[in-house]
Amino acid sequence: MNDLATIQKALGDHIMAEILLRKTPLGDDEDLFAAGFDSLSLSRVLVFVEERFGVVIPDQDVVLDEVSTVSKMARFVEERVRSAKG
């Protein structure tokens, strides 16, 4: 199931464990770039999205403001997943 809550949890868990390597919780509306996220981090998350949710999101389709928090990124990915299903 790829609903918004599932996507948000998967993204948050992945970003915490694999990208930011944080043990302290990351708030869903916490600015990722202020927390240490960068363009390489974003590329790694896009690969995760492709593997986990089966959608390819080209780098040029990403607007930084739309992926600056986990909750914004989850909505961004959820829209792409929904569009891919037709």
N, C-alpha and C. Protein backbone atom coordinates (compact mmCIF):
# COMPACT_ATOMS: atom_id res chain seq x y z
N MET A 1 0.83 -1.19 0.00
CA MET A 1 0.00 0.00 0.00
C MET A 1 0.88 1.25 0.00
N ASN A 2 0.61 2.14 -0.92
CA ASN A 2 1.44 3.33 -1.06
C ASN A 2 0.64 4.60 -0.77
N ASP A 3 -0.05 4.60 0.39
CA ASP A 3 -0.77 5.81 0.75
C ASP A 3 0.22 6.82 1.35
N LEU A 4 -0.27 8.01 1.58
CA LEU A 4 0.61 9.09 2.04
C LEU A 4 1.31 8.74 3.34
N ALA A 5 0.60 8.16 4.29
CA ALA A 5 1.21 7.82 5.58
C ALA A 5 2.32 6.78 5.43
N THR A 6 2.10 5.79 4.57
CA THR A 6 3.10 4.75 4.33
C THR A 6 4.34 5.35 3.68
N ILE A 7 4.12 6.20 2.69
CA ILE A 7 5.24 6.85 1.99
C ILE A 7 6.02 7.74 2.95
N GLN A 8 5.30 8.51 3.76
CA GLN A 8 5.96 9.42 4.70
C GLN A 8 6.81 8.65 5.70
N LYS A 9 6.27 7.56 6.22
CA LYS A 9 7.04 6.75 7.19
C LYS A 9 8.27 6.15 6.53
N ALA A 10 8.11 5.59 5.33
CA ALA A 10 9.24 4.97 4.63
C ALA A 10 10.33 6.00 4.34
N LEU A 11 9.93 7.18 3.85
CA LEU A 11 10.90 8.23 3.57
C LEU A 11 11.60 8.69 4.84
N GLY A 12 10.82 8.95 5.88
CA GLY A 12 11.40 9.41 7.14
C GLY A 12 12.39 8.41 7.71
N ASP A 13 12.00 7.13 7.72
CA ASP A 13 12.89 6.09 8.24
C ASP A 13 14.16 5.99 7.42
N HIS A 14 14.02 6.03 6.09
CA HIS A 14 15.19 5.93 5.21
C HIS A 14 16.12 7.12 5.39
N ILE A 15 15.55 8.31 5.41
CA ILE A 15 16.37 9.52 5.55
C ILE A 15 17.10 9.53 6.89
N MET A 16 16.41 9.14 7.95
CA MET A 16 17.04 9.11 9.27
C MET A 16 18.18 8.10 9.33
N ALA A 17 17.90 6.87 8.86
CA ALA A 17 18.85 5.77 9.03
C ALA A 17 19.96 5.75 7.99
N GLU A 18 19.64 6.11 6.74
CA GLU A 18 20.60 5.92 5.65
C GLU A 18 21.24 7.21 5.14
N ILE A 19 20.58 8.34 5.34
CA ILE A 19 21.10 9.58 4.78
C ILE A 19 21.70 10.47 5.87
N LEU A 20 20.89 10.84 6.86
CA LEU A 20 21.37 11.74 7.90
C LEU A 20 22.07 11.02 9.04
N LEU A 21 21.87 9.70 9.12
CA LEU A 21 22.50 8.87 10.16
C LEU A 21 22.24 9.43 11.55
N ARG A 22 20.98 9.80 11.78
CA ARG A 22 20.58 10.38 13.06
C ARG A 22 19.90 9.35 13.94
N LYS A 23 20.13 9.47 15.21
CA LYS A 23 19.40 8.65 16.17
C LYS A 23 18.25 9.45 16.77
N THR A 24 18.40 10.78 16.82
CA THR A 24 17.33 11.62 17.34
C THR A 24 16.25 11.77 16.26
N PRO A 25 15.00 11.78 16.69
CA PRO A 25 13.91 11.86 15.72
C PRO A 25 13.98 13.11 14.84
N LEU A 26 13.55 12.94 13.63
CA LEU A 26 13.47 14.04 12.66
C LEU A 26 12.00 14.38 12.52
N GLY A 27 11.64 15.62 12.81
CA GLY A 27 10.25 16.03 12.68
C GLY A 27 9.81 16.02 11.23
N ASP A 28 8.55 15.67 10.98
CA ASP A 28 8.04 15.60 9.62
C ASP A 28 8.10 16.94 8.89
N ASP A 29 8.09 18.03 9.66
CA ASP A 29 8.15 19.36 9.06
C ASP A 29 9.48 20.06 9.32
N GLU A 30 10.47 19.32 9.77
CA GLU A 30 11.80 19.86 10.01
C GLU A 30 12.52 20.03 8.66
N ASP A 31 13.18 21.15 8.48
CA ASP A 31 13.88 21.42 7.22
C ASP A 31 15.03 20.43 7.05
N LEU A 32 14.95 19.64 6.00
CA LEU A 32 15.97 18.61 5.76
C LEU A 32 17.34 19.22 5.47
N PHE A 33 17.35 20.32 4.73
CA PHE A 33 18.63 20.92 4.35
C PHE A 33 19.32 21.54 5.56
N ALA A 34 18.55 22.06 6.49
CA ALA A 34 19.13 22.58 7.74
C ALA A 34 19.67 21.44 8.60
N ALA A 35 19.10 20.24 8.42
CA ALA A 35 19.53 19.07 9.19
C ALA A 35 20.74 18.37 8.57
N GLY A 36 21.21 18.86 7.42
CA GLY A 36 22.40 18.26 6.80
C GLY A 36 22.17 17.60 5.46
N PHE A 37 20.96 17.65 4.96
CA PHE A 37 20.60 17.10 3.65
C PHE A 37 21.26 17.94 2.57
N ASP A 38 21.69 17.30 1.46
CA ASP A 38 22.27 18.06 0.35
C ASP A 38 21.86 17.41 -0.97
N SER A 39 22.43 17.87 -2.08
CA SER A 39 22.00 17.36 -3.39
C SER A 39 22.32 15.86 -3.55
N LEU A 40 23.42 15.40 -2.99
CA LEU A 40 23.73 13.97 -3.04
C LEU A 40 22.70 13.18 -2.23
N SER A 41 22.31 13.72 -1.10
CA SER A 41 21.27 13.09 -0.29
C SER A 41 19.99 12.95 -1.09
N LEU A 42 19.62 14.00 -1.80
CA LEU A 42 18.40 13.98 -2.60
C LEU A 42 18.49 12.92 -3.69
N SER A 43 19.63 12.80 -4.34
CA SER A 43 19.81 11.77 -5.36
C SER A 43 19.65 10.38 -4.77
N ARG A 44 20.20 10.18 -3.58
CA ARG A 44 20.07 8.88 -2.91
C ARG A 44 18.62 8.57 -2.56
N VAL A 45 17.86 9.59 -2.15
CA VAL A 45 16.45 9.39 -1.83
C VAL A 45 15.67 9.07 -3.10
N LEU A 46 16.00 9.71 -4.21
CA LEU A 46 15.30 9.42 -5.47
C LEU A 46 15.54 7.97 -5.91
N VAL A 47 16.73 7.45 -5.68
CA VAL A 47 17.00 6.03 -5.98
C VAL A 47 16.16 5.15 -5.06
N PHE A 48 16.08 5.50 -3.79
CA PHE A 48 15.24 4.76 -2.84
C PHE A 48 13.78 4.77 -3.30
N VAL A 49 13.27 5.92 -3.72
CA VAL A 49 11.89 6.04 -4.17
C VAL A 49 11.64 5.12 -5.37
N GLU A 50 12.60 5.10 -6.30
CA GLU A 50 12.46 4.23 -7.47
C GLU A 50 12.40 2.76 -7.06
N GLU A 51 13.30 2.36 -6.15
CA GLU A 51 13.35 0.97 -5.73
C GLU A 51 12.14 0.59 -4.87
N ARG A 52 11.73 1.45 -3.98
CA ARG A 52 10.66 1.14 -3.02
C ARG A 52 9.26 1.30 -3.60
N PHE A 53 9.08 2.35 -4.43
CA PHE A 53 7.74 2.66 -4.91
C PHE A 53 7.56 2.47 -6.42
N GLY A 54 8.64 2.16 -7.12
CA GLY A 54 8.54 1.86 -8.54
C GLY A 54 8.28 3.04 -9.44
N VAL A 55 8.61 4.24 -9.00
CA VAL A 55 8.44 5.42 -9.85
C VAL A 55 9.78 6.11 -10.03
N VAL A 56 10.02 6.55 -11.24
CA VAL A 56 11.25 7.29 -11.55
C VAL A 56 10.90 8.78 -11.53
N ILE A 57 11.64 9.54 -10.76
CA ILE A 57 11.46 10.98 -10.71
C ILE A 57 12.75 11.62 -11.19
N PRO A 58 12.77 12.14 -12.42
CA PRO A 58 13.98 12.77 -12.94
C PRO A 58 14.39 13.97 -12.07
N ASP A 59 15.69 14.17 -11.91
CA ASP A 59 16.19 15.28 -11.10
C ASP A 59 15.57 16.61 -11.50
N GLN A 60 15.39 16.82 -12.81
CA GLN A 60 14.87 18.10 -13.28
C GLN A 60 13.41 18.34 -12.88
N ASP A 61 12.70 17.29 -12.44
CA ASP A 61 11.31 17.43 -12.00
C ASP A 61 11.21 17.83 -10.53
N VAL A 62 12.34 17.82 -9.84
CA VAL A 62 12.34 18.09 -8.40
C VAL A 62 12.53 19.59 -8.15
N VAL A 63 11.58 20.16 -7.41
CA VAL A 63 11.67 21.54 -6.96
C VAL A 63 12.04 21.48 -5.47
N LEU A 64 13.16 22.10 -5.11
CA LEU A 64 13.67 21.94 -3.74
C LEU A 64 12.64 22.29 -2.68
N ASP A 65 11.83 23.31 -2.91
CA ASP A 65 10.83 23.68 -1.92
C ASP A 65 9.80 22.57 -1.71
N GLU A 66 9.59 21.72 -2.72
CA GLU A 66 8.61 20.64 -2.62
C GLU A 66 9.16 19.41 -1.90
N VAL A 67 10.45 19.41 -1.62
CA VAL A 67 11.06 18.26 -0.94
C VAL A 67 11.91 18.69 0.26
N SER A 68 11.61 19.85 0.81
CA SER A 68 12.45 20.40 1.89
C SER A 68 12.14 19.81 3.27
N THR A 69 11.02 19.09 3.41
CA THR A 69 10.70 18.39 4.65
C THR A 69 10.21 17.00 4.30
N VAL A 70 10.16 16.12 5.27
CA VAL A 70 9.68 14.76 5.01
C VAL A 70 8.22 14.80 4.57
N SER A 71 7.40 15.63 5.22
CA SER A 71 5.99 15.66 4.85
C SER A 71 5.79 16.21 3.44
N LYS A 72 6.55 17.25 3.06
CA LYS A 72 6.44 17.77 1.69
C LYS A 72 6.92 16.74 0.68
N MET A 73 8.02 16.07 1.01
CA MET A 73 8.57 15.07 0.10
C MET A 73 7.59 13.91 -0.07
N ALA A 74 6.93 13.52 1.01
CA ALA A 74 5.95 12.42 0.94
C ALA A 74 4.81 12.79 0.01
N ARG A 75 4.31 14.02 0.11
CA ARG A 75 3.23 14.45 -0.79
C ARG A 75 3.72 14.47 -2.24
N PHE A 76 4.94 14.94 -2.45
CA PHE A 76 5.55 14.99 -3.79
C PHE A 76 5.63 13.58 -4.38
N VAL A 77 6.13 12.62 -3.60
CA VAL A 77 6.27 11.24 -4.06
C VAL A 77 4.89 10.61 -4.27
N GLU A 78 3.97 10.85 -3.34
CA GLU A 78 2.63 10.27 -3.44
C GLU A 78 1.93 10.72 -4.73
N GLU A 79 2.11 11.98 -5.10
CA GLU A 79 1.54 12.48 -6.36
C GLU A 79 2.12 11.73 -7.55
N ARG A 80 3.42 11.48 -7.54
CA ARG A 80 4.08 10.76 -8.64
C ARG A 80 3.63 9.31 -8.68
N VAL A 81 3.47 8.68 -7.54
CA VAL A 81 3.02 7.29 -7.47
C VAL A 81 1.60 7.21 -8.04
N ARG A 82 0.75 8.13 -7.63
CA ARG A 82 -0.64 8.15 -8.11
C ARG A 82 -0.68 8.38 -9.62
N SER A 83 0.13 9.30 -10.13
CA SER A 83 0.18 9.59 -11.57
C SER A 83 0.67 8.39 -12.36
N ALA A 84 1.62 7.65 -11.79
CA ALA A 84 2.18 6.50 -12.49
C ALA A 84 1.16 5.38 -12.64
N LYS A 85 0.22 5.31 -11.71
CA LYS A 85 -0.81 4.28 -11.78
C LYS A 85 -1.87 4.62 -12.85
N GLY A 86 -1.90 5.89 -13.21
CA GLY A 86 -2.83 6.31 -14.27
C GLY A 86 -4.12 6.64 -13.76
